[in-house]
Amino acid sequence: MAGAPRPPHSGPLALLHTSPAHVPVFDALRDEDRPGLELRHSVDGELLARARRDGPEAVADEVRALLTRAVADGARAVLCTCSTIGEIAERTDAGVPVLRVDRPMAAAAVAAGPRVVVLATVASTLRPTVALVEEEARRAGRPVDVRTAVVEGAWALFEAGDTDGCARAVAAAADEVTDADAIVLAQASMAPAQRLTTTSVRVLSSPRPGLAAAADAIRATHAGP
């Protein structure tokens, strides 16, 4: 009916994960921030394993196939929650918006100031995350100086199911950073550490702003005149 209010969301959002641990995280964020948004989760841990071993390009065909399947199943946008393969996903023409979860976080880091520290629990995440921060700095016309560090042992804790231990290790590493304007927690799995940090430096994680950006992309795509 003409003039009737539109629903807050117009179609499902597909999420591409490389760990099942992300599913309840994004479901909870949806319930808090975007009730009514339908999420469809796809989990493939082998994508990250291969990308770490052989490089992200090695999984480009698989990522493309997963995105194509998600769109065929009705997804109106796709959010890749893995920072290692986010660049591969984002550049794939799937016919709907394909977003990487860490782009809004990178933009916020650049806005915070030129000194950005990227923390990761796997080394394969560093290069694509640094490239993303530098890209957002160029887009904003801002200078940026990016430093990186891997939180040793944290990923082993995460893989073993000790997510609390992983979060504590990441938070401890973040708290050692004092000479920065922003600390980027490069992987979505690191987000719980954000609540545990005591550093005065701004600490940024990707799940909440990434989900918001994806929901907004669906709304923008389907907004009427």
N, C-alpha and C. Protein backbone atom coordinates (compact mmCIF):
# COMPACT_ATOMS: atom_id res chain seq x y z
N MET A 1 0.85 -1.20 0.00
CA MET A 1 0.00 0.00 0.00
C MET A 1 0.87 1.24 0.00
N ALA A 2 0.59 2.18 -0.88
CA ALA A 2 1.39 3.39 -0.99
C ALA A 2 1.37 4.15 0.32
N GLY A 3 2.51 4.65 0.72
CA GLY A 3 2.62 5.43 1.93
C GLY A 3 2.79 4.61 3.19
N ALA A 4 2.67 3.29 3.09
CA ALA A 4 2.85 2.44 4.27
C ALA A 4 4.32 2.44 4.66
N PRO A 5 4.62 2.40 5.96
CA PRO A 5 6.01 2.39 6.39
C PRO A 5 6.71 1.11 5.96
N ARG A 6 7.95 1.23 5.54
CA ARG A 6 8.73 0.07 5.15
C ARG A 6 9.26 -0.64 6.38
N PRO A 7 9.42 -1.96 6.31
CA PRO A 7 10.05 -2.67 7.41
C PRO A 7 11.50 -2.22 7.54
N PRO A 8 12.09 -2.37 8.74
CA PRO A 8 13.44 -1.87 8.95
C PRO A 8 14.48 -2.57 8.10
N HIS A 9 14.20 -3.80 7.65
CA HIS A 9 15.15 -4.53 6.82
C HIS A 9 14.38 -5.19 5.67
N SER A 10 15.04 -5.36 4.55
CA SER A 10 14.38 -5.89 3.37
C SER A 10 15.17 -7.05 2.80
N GLY A 11 15.16 -8.15 3.49
CA GLY A 11 15.85 -9.33 3.00
C GLY A 11 16.97 -9.77 3.92
N PRO A 12 17.38 -11.02 3.79
CA PRO A 12 18.38 -11.57 4.70
C PRO A 12 19.80 -11.11 4.41
N LEU A 13 20.60 -11.12 5.45
CA LEU A 13 22.03 -10.86 5.35
C LEU A 13 22.77 -12.18 5.54
N ALA A 14 23.61 -12.53 4.57
CA ALA A 14 24.44 -13.72 4.69
C ALA A 14 25.77 -13.34 5.32
N LEU A 15 26.24 -14.17 6.22
CA LEU A 15 27.54 -13.95 6.87
C LEU A 15 28.45 -15.12 6.55
N LEU A 16 29.65 -14.81 6.09
CA LEU A 16 30.65 -15.82 5.78
C LEU A 16 31.69 -15.83 6.90
N HIS A 17 31.73 -16.92 7.66
CA HIS A 17 32.63 -17.05 8.79
C HIS A 17 33.69 -18.12 8.51
N THR A 18 34.80 -18.03 9.23
CA THR A 18 35.78 -19.11 9.21
C THR A 18 35.90 -19.78 10.57
N SER A 19 34.99 -19.44 11.49
CA SER A 19 34.92 -20.11 12.79
C SER A 19 33.48 -20.12 13.26
N PRO A 20 33.00 -21.24 13.79
CA PRO A 20 31.64 -21.28 14.31
C PRO A 20 31.44 -20.40 15.53
N ALA A 21 32.53 -19.98 16.17
CA ALA A 21 32.42 -19.13 17.35
C ALA A 21 31.80 -17.78 17.03
N HIS A 22 31.85 -17.37 15.76
CA HIS A 22 31.30 -16.07 15.39
C HIS A 22 29.77 -16.07 15.31
N VAL A 23 29.18 -17.22 15.12
CA VAL A 23 27.73 -17.27 14.93
C VAL A 23 26.96 -16.68 16.11
N PRO A 24 27.19 -17.14 17.35
CA PRO A 24 26.45 -16.55 18.47
C PRO A 24 26.79 -15.09 18.72
N VAL A 25 28.01 -14.68 18.37
CA VAL A 25 28.41 -13.29 18.56
C VAL A 25 27.55 -12.37 17.70
N PHE A 26 27.42 -12.72 16.44
CA PHE A 26 26.66 -11.86 15.53
C PHE A 26 25.15 -11.99 15.76
N ASP A 27 24.71 -13.16 16.19
CA ASP A 27 23.30 -13.29 16.56
C ASP A 27 22.96 -12.38 17.73
N ALA A 28 23.86 -12.33 18.72
CA ALA A 28 23.61 -11.48 19.89
C ALA A 28 23.62 -10.00 19.51
N LEU A 29 24.56 -9.61 18.65
CA LEU A 29 24.60 -8.21 18.20
C LEU A 29 23.35 -7.85 17.43
N ARG A 30 22.89 -8.78 16.60
CA ARG A 30 21.64 -8.55 15.85
C ARG A 30 20.49 -8.33 16.81
N ASP A 31 20.40 -9.18 17.83
CA ASP A 31 19.30 -9.07 18.79
C ASP A 31 19.34 -7.74 19.53
N GLU A 32 20.56 -7.25 19.81
CA GLU A 32 20.71 -5.99 20.54
C GLU A 32 20.46 -4.77 19.66
N ASP A 33 21.02 -4.79 18.46
CA ASP A 33 21.07 -3.58 17.64
C ASP A 33 20.14 -3.59 16.44
N ARG A 34 19.88 -4.76 15.87
CA ARG A 34 19.13 -4.84 14.61
C ARG A 34 18.05 -5.92 14.68
N PRO A 35 17.16 -5.87 15.67
CA PRO A 35 16.10 -6.88 15.74
C PRO A 35 15.28 -6.88 14.47
N GLY A 36 14.95 -8.07 14.01
CA GLY A 36 14.21 -8.19 12.76
C GLY A 36 15.07 -8.49 11.57
N LEU A 37 16.38 -8.30 11.69
CA LEU A 37 17.29 -8.61 10.59
C LEU A 37 17.54 -10.11 10.55
N GLU A 38 17.25 -10.73 9.42
CA GLU A 38 17.49 -12.17 9.27
C GLU A 38 18.95 -12.42 8.90
N LEU A 39 19.62 -13.25 9.69
CA LEU A 39 21.01 -13.62 9.41
C LEU A 39 21.07 -15.06 8.93
N ARG A 40 21.86 -15.28 7.91
CA ARG A 40 22.11 -16.63 7.42
C ARG A 40 23.62 -16.88 7.48
N HIS A 41 24.01 -17.81 8.33
CA HIS A 41 25.42 -18.04 8.59
C HIS A 41 25.98 -19.18 7.73
N SER A 42 27.18 -18.95 7.21
CA SER A 42 27.93 -19.99 6.52
C SER A 42 29.32 -20.05 7.14
N VAL A 43 29.72 -21.25 7.58
CA VAL A 43 31.00 -21.42 8.28
C VAL A 43 31.88 -22.38 7.50
N ASP A 44 33.10 -21.95 7.21
CA ASP A 44 34.07 -22.82 6.52
C ASP A 44 35.46 -22.54 7.08
N GLY A 45 35.84 -23.31 8.08
CA GLY A 45 37.13 -23.12 8.72
C GLY A 45 38.31 -23.44 7.82
N GLU A 46 38.09 -24.26 6.82
CA GLU A 46 39.18 -24.63 5.92
C GLU A 46 39.65 -23.44 5.10
N LEU A 47 38.76 -22.47 4.86
CA LEU A 47 39.17 -21.28 4.10
C LEU A 47 40.32 -20.56 4.80
N LEU A 48 40.21 -20.37 6.11
CA LEU A 48 41.27 -19.68 6.84
C LEU A 48 42.53 -20.53 6.89
N ALA A 49 42.36 -21.83 7.11
CA ALA A 49 43.54 -22.70 7.16
C ALA A 49 44.33 -22.64 5.86
N ARG A 50 43.63 -22.69 4.74
CA ARG A 50 44.31 -22.64 3.44
C ARG A 50 44.88 -21.25 3.18
N ALA A 51 44.13 -20.21 3.55
CA ALA A 51 44.63 -18.85 3.32
C ALA A 51 45.89 -18.59 4.14
N ARG A 52 45.94 -19.11 5.35
CA ARG A 52 47.14 -18.95 6.17
C ARG A 52 48.32 -19.71 5.57
N ARG A 53 48.04 -20.87 5.01
CA ARG A 53 49.10 -21.72 4.48
C ARG A 53 49.59 -21.26 3.12
N ASP A 54 48.63 -20.92 2.23
CA ASP A 54 48.96 -20.66 0.83
C ASP A 54 48.72 -19.22 0.38
N GLY A 55 48.15 -18.40 1.25
CA GLY A 55 47.83 -17.03 0.88
C GLY A 55 46.36 -16.89 0.53
N PRO A 56 45.78 -15.71 0.75
CA PRO A 56 44.35 -15.53 0.50
C PRO A 56 43.91 -15.82 -0.93
N GLU A 57 44.78 -15.54 -1.91
CA GLU A 57 44.40 -15.79 -3.30
C GLU A 57 44.07 -17.25 -3.56
N ALA A 58 44.63 -18.13 -2.74
CA ALA A 58 44.42 -19.56 -2.94
C ALA A 58 42.98 -19.98 -2.72
N VAL A 59 42.20 -19.16 -2.01
CA VAL A 59 40.82 -19.53 -1.72
C VAL A 59 39.82 -18.65 -2.48
N ALA A 60 40.31 -17.88 -3.44
CA ALA A 60 39.43 -16.94 -4.16
C ALA A 60 38.27 -17.66 -4.84
N ASP A 61 38.52 -18.78 -5.47
CA ASP A 61 37.45 -19.49 -6.17
C ASP A 61 36.40 -20.01 -5.19
N GLU A 62 36.86 -20.53 -4.05
CA GLU A 62 35.91 -21.04 -3.05
C GLU A 62 35.07 -19.92 -2.47
N VAL A 63 35.70 -18.78 -2.21
CA VAL A 63 34.96 -17.64 -1.67
C VAL A 63 33.91 -17.17 -2.68
N ARG A 64 34.31 -17.10 -3.94
CA ARG A 64 33.37 -16.68 -4.99
C ARG A 64 32.18 -17.63 -5.06
N ALA A 65 32.44 -18.92 -4.95
CA ALA A 65 31.36 -19.90 -5.01
C ALA A 65 30.42 -19.76 -3.81
N LEU A 66 30.96 -19.51 -2.64
CA LEU A 66 30.13 -19.33 -1.46
C LEU A 66 29.25 -18.08 -1.57
N LEU A 67 29.83 -17.01 -2.10
CA LEU A 67 29.06 -15.78 -2.27
C LEU A 67 27.94 -15.98 -3.30
N THR A 68 28.27 -16.65 -4.38
CA THR A 68 27.27 -16.91 -5.42
C THR A 68 26.12 -17.74 -4.86
N ARG A 69 26.45 -18.74 -4.04
CA ARG A 69 25.42 -19.58 -3.45
C ARG A 69 24.54 -18.78 -2.49
N ALA A 70 25.17 -17.90 -1.70
CA ALA A 70 24.41 -17.09 -0.75
C ALA A 70 23.40 -16.19 -1.46
N VAL A 71 23.85 -15.59 -2.55
CA VAL A 71 22.96 -14.72 -3.31
C VAL A 71 21.85 -15.53 -3.96
N ALA A 72 22.18 -16.70 -4.48
CA ALA A 72 21.17 -17.56 -5.09
C ALA A 72 20.11 -17.98 -4.06
N ASP A 73 20.52 -18.07 -2.81
CA ASP A 73 19.60 -18.44 -1.74
C ASP A 73 18.82 -17.25 -1.19
N GLY A 74 19.04 -16.06 -1.77
CA GLY A 74 18.22 -14.93 -1.42
C GLY A 74 18.87 -13.83 -0.62
N ALA A 75 20.17 -13.94 -0.34
CA ALA A 75 20.83 -12.90 0.44
C ALA A 75 20.79 -11.57 -0.29
N ARG A 76 20.54 -10.49 0.46
CA ARG A 76 20.52 -9.15 -0.10
C ARG A 76 21.83 -8.42 0.11
N ALA A 77 22.70 -8.99 0.94
CA ALA A 77 24.06 -8.50 1.15
C ALA A 77 24.82 -9.62 1.83
N VAL A 78 26.15 -9.56 1.73
CA VAL A 78 27.00 -10.57 2.38
C VAL A 78 28.06 -9.84 3.20
N LEU A 79 28.26 -10.32 4.42
CA LEU A 79 29.29 -9.77 5.30
C LEU A 79 30.32 -10.86 5.56
N CYS A 80 31.57 -10.61 5.16
CA CYS A 80 32.67 -11.54 5.44
C CYS A 80 33.28 -11.15 6.78
N THR A 81 33.26 -12.05 7.74
CA THR A 81 33.73 -11.73 9.08
C THR A 81 35.18 -12.14 9.32
N CYS A 82 35.83 -12.68 8.30
CA CYS A 82 37.23 -13.10 8.43
C CYS A 82 38.13 -12.04 7.80
N SER A 83 39.01 -11.45 8.60
CA SER A 83 39.87 -10.38 8.10
C SER A 83 40.89 -10.88 7.09
N THR A 84 41.31 -12.12 7.21
CA THR A 84 42.31 -12.65 6.29
C THR A 84 41.79 -12.74 4.87
N ILE A 85 40.52 -13.13 4.70
CA ILE A 85 39.96 -13.29 3.36
C ILE A 85 38.98 -12.18 3.00
N GLY A 86 38.86 -11.16 3.86
CA GLY A 86 37.90 -10.09 3.60
C GLY A 86 38.15 -9.36 2.30
N GLU A 87 39.42 -9.14 1.98
CA GLU A 87 39.76 -8.44 0.74
C GLU A 87 39.30 -9.23 -0.47
N ILE A 88 39.48 -10.55 -0.42
CA ILE A 88 39.05 -11.42 -1.52
C ILE A 88 37.53 -11.35 -1.69
N ALA A 89 36.82 -11.41 -0.57
CA ALA A 89 35.36 -11.38 -0.63
C ALA A 89 34.86 -10.05 -1.16
N GLU A 90 35.42 -8.97 -0.65
CA GLU A 90 34.92 -7.63 -0.97
C GLU A 90 35.03 -7.31 -2.45
N ARG A 91 36.05 -7.80 -3.11
CA ARG A 91 36.26 -7.45 -4.51
C ARG A 91 35.49 -8.38 -5.46
N THR A 92 34.74 -9.32 -4.91
CA THR A 92 33.97 -10.25 -5.73
C THR A 92 32.65 -9.61 -6.14
N ASP A 93 32.36 -9.62 -7.43
CA ASP A 93 31.09 -9.08 -7.93
C ASP A 93 30.04 -10.17 -7.80
N ALA A 94 29.22 -10.04 -6.74
CA ALA A 94 28.20 -11.06 -6.47
C ALA A 94 26.80 -10.59 -6.82
N GLY A 95 26.67 -9.35 -7.28
CA GLY A 95 25.36 -8.83 -7.62
C GLY A 95 24.64 -8.17 -6.46
N VAL A 96 25.19 -8.29 -5.26
CA VAL A 96 24.67 -7.61 -4.08
C VAL A 96 25.87 -7.03 -3.34
N PRO A 97 25.66 -6.11 -2.40
CA PRO A 97 26.80 -5.59 -1.64
C PRO A 97 27.53 -6.70 -0.88
N VAL A 98 28.85 -6.74 -1.01
CA VAL A 98 29.69 -7.66 -0.25
C VAL A 98 30.63 -6.81 0.59
N LEU A 99 30.53 -6.95 1.89
CA LEU A 99 31.28 -6.10 2.80
C LEU A 99 32.25 -6.92 3.64
N ARG A 100 33.36 -6.31 3.97
CA ARG A 100 34.28 -6.93 4.93
C ARG A 100 34.04 -6.30 6.29
N VAL A 101 34.00 -7.11 7.30
CA VAL A 101 33.57 -6.67 8.61
C VAL A 101 34.47 -5.60 9.22
N ASP A 102 35.74 -5.55 8.77
CA ASP A 102 36.70 -4.67 9.44
C ASP A 102 36.84 -3.29 8.80
N ARG A 103 36.14 -3.02 7.70
CA ARG A 103 36.31 -1.72 7.06
C ARG A 103 35.82 -0.56 7.94
N PRO A 104 34.64 -0.62 8.55
CA PRO A 104 34.24 0.49 9.43
C PRO A 104 35.21 0.70 10.58
N MET A 105 35.76 -0.37 11.12
CA MET A 105 36.75 -0.26 12.18
C MET A 105 38.00 0.46 11.70
N ALA A 106 38.45 0.14 10.50
CA ALA A 106 39.63 0.80 9.94
C ALA A 106 39.39 2.29 9.75
N ALA A 107 38.20 2.64 9.29
CA ALA A 107 37.87 4.05 9.11
C ALA A 107 37.86 4.78 10.45
N ALA A 108 37.35 4.13 11.48
CA ALA A 108 37.33 4.75 12.81
C ALA A 108 38.74 4.91 13.36
N ALA A 109 39.62 3.97 13.07
CA ALA A 109 41.00 4.08 13.53
C ALA A 109 41.69 5.27 12.90
N VAL A 110 41.49 5.45 11.61
CA VAL A 110 42.09 6.58 10.90
C VAL A 110 41.57 7.90 11.45
N ALA A 111 40.28 7.94 11.76
CA ALA A 111 39.69 9.16 12.29
C ALA A 111 40.23 9.49 13.68
N ALA A 112 40.67 8.48 14.42
CA ALA A 112 41.16 8.69 15.78
C ALA A 112 42.52 9.38 15.82
N GLY A 113 43.31 9.22 14.75
CA GLY A 113 44.62 9.84 14.72
C GLY A 113 45.59 9.05 13.87
N PRO A 114 46.78 9.59 13.62
CA PRO A 114 47.70 8.96 12.67
C PRO A 114 48.43 7.73 13.20
N ARG A 115 48.51 7.56 14.51
CA ARG A 115 49.28 6.44 15.06
C ARG A 115 48.34 5.27 15.37
N VAL A 116 48.43 4.24 14.52
CA VAL A 116 47.53 3.10 14.64
C VAL A 116 48.35 1.84 14.88
N VAL A 117 47.96 1.08 15.89
CA VAL A 117 48.58 -0.21 16.17
C VAL A 117 47.58 -1.31 15.84
N VAL A 118 47.98 -2.25 15.00
CA VAL A 118 47.15 -3.38 14.62
C VAL A 118 47.62 -4.61 15.39
N LEU A 119 46.73 -5.18 16.18
CA LEU A 119 47.02 -6.42 16.88
C LEU A 119 46.27 -7.56 16.21
N ALA A 120 46.93 -8.70 16.07
CA ALA A 120 46.30 -9.88 15.48
C ALA A 120 46.74 -11.11 16.26
N THR A 121 45.98 -12.18 16.12
CA THR A 121 46.39 -13.44 16.74
C THR A 121 46.95 -14.42 15.71
N VAL A 122 46.76 -14.11 14.42
CA VAL A 122 47.41 -14.88 13.35
C VAL A 122 48.09 -13.90 12.40
N ALA A 123 49.29 -14.22 12.00
CA ALA A 123 50.10 -13.30 11.20
C ALA A 123 49.48 -13.01 9.84
N SER A 124 48.70 -13.97 9.29
CA SER A 124 48.13 -13.78 7.96
C SER A 124 47.15 -12.61 7.91
N THR A 125 46.67 -12.18 9.07
CA THR A 125 45.71 -11.08 9.11
C THR A 125 46.39 -9.72 9.00
N LEU A 126 47.67 -9.65 9.30
CA LEU A 126 48.33 -8.34 9.38
C LEU A 126 48.36 -7.60 8.05
N ARG A 127 48.82 -8.27 7.00
CA ARG A 127 48.97 -7.57 5.72
C ARG A 127 47.64 -7.00 5.22
N PRO A 128 46.56 -7.80 5.14
CA PRO A 128 45.31 -7.23 4.65
C PRO A 128 44.74 -6.14 5.56
N THR A 129 44.98 -6.24 6.86
CA THR A 129 44.45 -5.22 7.77
C THR A 129 45.23 -3.92 7.63
N VAL A 130 46.54 -4.01 7.55
CA VAL A 130 47.35 -2.81 7.34
C VAL A 130 46.97 -2.14 6.03
N ALA A 131 46.82 -2.93 4.97
CA ALA A 131 46.44 -2.37 3.67
C ALA A 131 45.09 -1.67 3.75
N LEU A 132 44.18 -2.23 4.52
CA LEU A 132 42.85 -1.63 4.66
C LEU A 132 42.94 -0.30 5.41
N VAL A 133 43.69 -0.25 6.50
CA VAL A 133 43.85 0.99 7.25
C VAL A 133 44.48 2.07 6.36
N GLU A 134 45.50 1.68 5.61
CA GLU A 134 46.16 2.65 4.72
C GLU A 134 45.21 3.12 3.62
N GLU A 135 44.38 2.22 3.12
CA GLU A 135 43.39 2.60 2.11
C GLU A 135 42.39 3.61 2.68
N GLU A 136 41.92 3.35 3.89
CA GLU A 136 40.97 4.28 4.51
C GLU A 136 41.63 5.63 4.81
N ALA A 137 42.91 5.62 5.12
CA ALA A 137 43.62 6.89 5.34
C ALA A 137 43.70 7.70 4.05
N ARG A 138 44.00 7.02 2.94
CA ARG A 138 44.04 7.72 1.65
C ARG A 138 42.67 8.27 1.30
N ARG A 139 41.64 7.49 1.55
CA ARG A 139 40.28 7.92 1.25
C ARG A 139 39.90 9.15 2.06
N ALA A 140 40.36 9.20 3.31
CA ALA A 140 40.04 10.33 4.18
C ALA A 140 41.00 11.49 4.03
N GLY A 141 42.09 11.30 3.27
CA GLY A 141 43.10 12.34 3.12
C GLY A 141 43.85 12.60 4.40
N ARG A 142 44.08 11.54 5.18
CA ARG A 142 44.75 11.68 6.47
C ARG A 142 46.07 10.90 6.47
N PRO A 143 47.06 11.38 7.21
CA PRO A 143 48.29 10.60 7.36
C PRO A 143 48.06 9.44 8.31
N VAL A 144 48.82 8.38 8.14
CA VAL A 144 48.71 7.25 9.06
C VAL A 144 50.05 6.55 9.17
N ASP A 145 50.37 6.11 10.36
CA ASP A 145 51.58 5.33 10.64
C ASP A 145 51.13 4.07 11.36
N VAL A 146 51.21 2.93 10.68
CA VAL A 146 50.67 1.69 11.21
C VAL A 146 51.79 0.80 11.73
N ARG A 147 51.64 0.36 12.96
CA ARG A 147 52.54 -0.64 13.55
C ARG A 147 51.75 -1.90 13.83
N THR A 148 52.41 -3.04 13.85
CA THR A 148 51.70 -4.31 13.99
C THR A 148 52.35 -5.18 15.06
N ALA A 149 51.55 -6.10 15.59
CA ALA A 149 52.07 -7.10 16.52
C ALA A 149 51.13 -8.30 16.52
N VAL A 150 51.71 -9.48 16.65
CA VAL A 150 50.95 -10.71 16.81
C VAL A 150 50.94 -11.07 18.29
N VAL A 151 49.77 -11.35 18.83
CA VAL A 151 49.65 -11.74 20.23
C VAL A 151 49.98 -13.24 20.31
N GLU A 152 51.19 -13.53 20.67
CA GLU A 152 51.66 -14.92 20.66
C GLU A 152 50.85 -15.78 21.63
N GLY A 153 50.46 -16.95 21.15
CA GLY A 153 49.74 -17.91 21.97
C GLY A 153 48.25 -17.71 22.03
N ALA A 154 47.76 -16.54 21.61
CA ALA A 154 46.33 -16.26 21.74
C ALA A 154 45.50 -17.14 20.80
N TRP A 155 45.99 -17.33 19.57
CA TRP A 155 45.22 -18.13 18.62
C TRP A 155 45.11 -19.58 19.06
N ALA A 156 46.18 -20.11 19.64
CA ALA A 156 46.13 -21.49 20.14
C ALA A 156 45.06 -21.62 21.23
N LEU A 157 44.94 -20.62 22.07
CA LEU A 157 43.89 -20.63 23.09
C LEU A 157 42.51 -20.62 22.44
N PHE A 158 42.35 -19.77 21.44
CA PHE A 158 41.05 -19.68 20.75
C PHE A 158 40.69 -21.01 20.09
N GLU A 159 41.65 -21.62 19.40
CA GLU A 159 41.39 -22.88 18.72
C GLU A 159 41.07 -24.00 19.72
N ALA A 160 41.63 -23.89 20.93
CA ALA A 160 41.37 -24.89 21.96
C ALA A 160 40.04 -24.66 22.67
N GLY A 161 39.35 -23.59 22.30
CA GLY A 161 38.07 -23.30 22.93
C GLY A 161 38.14 -22.40 24.14
N ASP A 162 39.36 -21.95 24.48
CA ASP A 162 39.54 -21.07 25.63
C ASP A 162 39.41 -19.62 25.17
N THR A 163 38.18 -19.22 24.86
CA THR A 163 37.99 -17.87 24.34
C THR A 163 38.26 -16.81 25.41
N ASP A 164 38.00 -17.15 26.67
CA ASP A 164 38.31 -16.20 27.74
C ASP A 164 39.81 -15.98 27.86
N GLY A 165 40.58 -17.07 27.78
CA GLY A 165 42.03 -16.95 27.83
C GLY A 165 42.58 -16.16 26.67
N CYS A 166 42.01 -16.38 25.49
CA CYS A 166 42.42 -15.61 24.31
C CYS A 166 42.14 -14.14 24.53
N ALA A 167 40.96 -13.82 25.04
CA ALA A 167 40.60 -12.41 25.28
C ALA A 167 41.54 -11.77 26.29
N ARG A 168 41.89 -12.48 27.33
CA ARG A 168 42.79 -11.92 28.34
C ARG A 168 44.18 -11.66 27.75
N ALA A 169 44.65 -12.58 26.90
CA ALA A 169 45.96 -12.40 26.28
C ALA A 169 45.96 -11.19 25.36
N VAL A 170 44.90 -11.03 24.58
CA VAL A 170 44.80 -9.88 23.67
C VAL A 170 44.71 -8.59 24.47
N ALA A 171 43.91 -8.58 25.52
CA ALA A 171 43.77 -7.38 26.34
C ALA A 171 45.09 -6.99 26.97
N ALA A 172 45.85 -7.98 27.43
CA ALA A 172 47.15 -7.69 28.03
C ALA A 172 48.09 -7.06 27.01
N ALA A 173 48.04 -7.57 25.77
CA ALA A 173 48.88 -6.99 24.72
C ALA A 173 48.45 -5.56 24.40
N ALA A 174 47.15 -5.33 24.37
CA ALA A 174 46.66 -3.98 24.10
C ALA A 174 47.06 -3.01 25.20
N ASP A 175 47.05 -3.48 26.43
CA ASP A 175 47.37 -2.61 27.56
C ASP A 175 48.85 -2.20 27.58
N GLU A 176 49.67 -2.90 26.83
CA GLU A 176 51.08 -2.53 26.74
C GLU A 176 51.31 -1.40 25.75
N VAL A 177 50.29 -1.08 24.95
CA VAL A 177 50.40 -0.03 23.96
C VAL A 177 50.02 1.31 24.60
N THR A 178 50.93 2.25 24.56
CA THR A 178 50.65 3.57 25.15
C THR A 178 50.83 4.70 24.14
N ASP A 179 51.69 4.50 23.14
CA ASP A 179 52.01 5.58 22.21
C ASP A 179 51.27 5.39 20.89
N ALA A 180 49.94 5.43 20.95
CA ALA A 180 49.12 5.27 19.76
C ALA A 180 47.83 6.05 19.94
N ASP A 181 47.18 6.33 18.82
CA ASP A 181 45.87 6.99 18.86
C ASP A 181 44.74 5.97 18.82
N ALA A 182 45.01 4.80 18.25
CA ALA A 182 43.99 3.75 18.18
C ALA A 182 44.67 2.40 18.11
N ILE A 183 44.03 1.42 18.73
CA ILE A 183 44.45 0.03 18.65
C ILE A 183 43.37 -0.74 17.91
N VAL A 184 43.75 -1.39 16.84
CA VAL A 184 42.81 -2.17 16.02
C VAL A 184 42.95 -3.64 16.39
N LEU A 185 41.86 -4.25 16.83
CA LEU A 185 41.82 -5.70 17.06
C LEU A 185 41.41 -6.32 15.73
N ALA A 186 42.40 -6.84 15.02
CA ALA A 186 42.23 -7.13 13.59
C ALA A 186 41.19 -8.19 13.28
N GLN A 187 40.96 -9.13 14.17
CA GLN A 187 40.04 -10.23 13.89
C GLN A 187 38.78 -10.11 14.74
N ALA A 188 37.66 -10.52 14.16
CA ALA A 188 36.41 -10.47 14.90
C ALA A 188 36.48 -11.29 16.18
N SER A 189 37.26 -12.37 16.16
CA SER A 189 37.38 -13.23 17.35
C SER A 189 38.05 -12.52 18.52
N MET A 190 38.70 -11.40 18.26
CA MET A 190 39.40 -10.66 19.32
C MET A 190 38.49 -9.68 20.04
N ALA A 191 37.28 -9.49 19.57
CA ALA A 191 36.39 -8.46 20.10
C ALA A 191 36.15 -8.54 21.61
N PRO A 192 36.03 -9.74 22.21
CA PRO A 192 35.79 -9.77 23.66
C PRO A 192 36.88 -9.09 24.48
N ALA A 193 38.08 -8.97 23.93
CA ALA A 193 39.17 -8.33 24.66
C ALA A 193 38.92 -6.83 24.84
N GLN A 194 38.09 -6.26 23.98
CA GLN A 194 37.85 -4.82 24.05
C GLN A 194 37.31 -4.42 25.42
N ARG A 195 36.48 -5.27 26.02
CA ARG A 195 35.88 -4.96 27.31
C ARG A 195 36.87 -5.12 28.47
N LEU A 196 37.97 -5.80 28.22
CA LEU A 196 38.91 -6.12 29.30
C LEU A 196 40.10 -5.16 29.36
N THR A 197 40.27 -4.34 28.35
CA THR A 197 41.44 -3.48 28.30
C THR A 197 41.33 -2.32 29.29
N THR A 198 42.49 -1.87 29.75
CA THR A 198 42.53 -0.72 30.67
C THR A 198 43.34 0.43 30.10
N THR A 199 43.92 0.25 28.93
CA THR A 199 44.73 1.30 28.31
C THR A 199 43.88 2.54 28.03
N SER A 200 44.52 3.68 28.03
CA SER A 200 43.82 4.93 27.71
C SER A 200 43.67 5.12 26.19
N VAL A 201 44.37 4.30 25.42
CA VAL A 201 44.27 4.36 23.96
C VAL A 201 42.94 3.76 23.53
N ARG A 202 42.33 4.35 22.52
CA ARG A 202 41.06 3.84 22.01
C ARG A 202 41.26 2.46 21.39
N VAL A 203 40.47 1.49 21.82
CA VAL A 203 40.56 0.12 21.31
C VAL A 203 39.33 -0.16 20.46
N LEU A 204 39.55 -0.63 19.24
CA LEU A 204 38.47 -0.83 18.27
C LEU A 204 38.36 -2.30 17.88
N SER A 205 37.13 -2.77 17.78
CA SER A 205 36.87 -4.12 17.26
C SER A 205 35.84 -4.03 16.14
N SER A 206 35.68 -5.12 15.41
CA SER A 206 34.94 -5.03 14.14
C SER A 206 33.50 -5.52 14.13
N PRO A 207 33.07 -6.45 14.98
CA PRO A 207 31.74 -7.04 14.76
C PRO A 207 30.58 -6.06 14.77
N ARG A 208 30.48 -5.19 15.78
CA ARG A 208 29.31 -4.31 15.87
C ARG A 208 29.25 -3.32 14.71
N PRO A 209 30.31 -2.54 14.43
CA PRO A 209 30.22 -1.62 13.29
C PRO A 209 30.11 -2.32 11.96
N GLY A 210 30.71 -3.51 11.85
CA GLY A 210 30.60 -4.25 10.59
C GLY A 210 29.18 -4.70 10.32
N LEU A 211 28.51 -5.22 11.36
CA LEU A 211 27.13 -5.65 11.19
C LEU A 211 26.23 -4.46 10.87
N ALA A 212 26.48 -3.34 11.52
CA ALA A 212 25.68 -2.14 11.26
C ALA A 212 25.82 -1.69 9.81
N ALA A 213 27.05 -1.72 9.30
CA ALA A 213 27.28 -1.31 7.91
C ALA A 213 26.57 -2.23 6.93
N ALA A 214 26.58 -3.53 7.22
CA ALA A 214 25.92 -4.48 6.33
C ALA A 214 24.40 -4.29 6.35
N ALA A 215 23.84 -4.07 7.54
CA ALA A 215 22.40 -3.83 7.63
C ALA A 215 22.02 -2.55 6.91
N ASP A 216 22.86 -1.53 7.03
CA ASP A 216 22.59 -0.26 6.34
C ASP A 216 22.68 -0.43 4.83
N ALA A 217 23.58 -1.31 4.37
CA ALA A 217 23.71 -1.56 2.94
C ALA A 217 22.43 -2.19 2.38
N ILE A 218 21.85 -3.11 3.15
CA ILE A 218 20.59 -3.70 2.71
C ILE A 218 19.50 -2.64 2.64
N ARG A 219 19.42 -1.82 3.65
CA ARG A 219 18.38 -0.78 3.69
C ARG A 219 18.56 0.21 2.52
N ALA A 220 19.81 0.59 2.27
CA ALA A 220 20.06 1.55 1.18
C ALA A 220 19.73 0.96 -0.18
N THR A 221 20.04 -0.31 -0.34
CA THR A 221 19.79 -0.97 -1.62
C THR A 221 18.30 -1.05 -1.93
N HIS A 222 17.52 -1.23 -0.89
CA HIS A 222 16.09 -1.47 -1.10
C HIS A 222 15.23 -0.26 -0.71
N ALA A 223 15.87 0.86 -0.42
CA ALA A 223 15.09 2.05 -0.09
C ALA A 223 14.34 2.55 -1.32
N GLY A 224 13.15 2.99 -1.09
CA GLY A 224 12.35 3.52 -2.19
C GLY A 224 12.71 4.98 -2.44
N PRO A 225 12.10 5.61 -3.42
CA PRO A 225 12.38 7.01 -3.74
C PRO A 225 11.92 7.93 -2.63
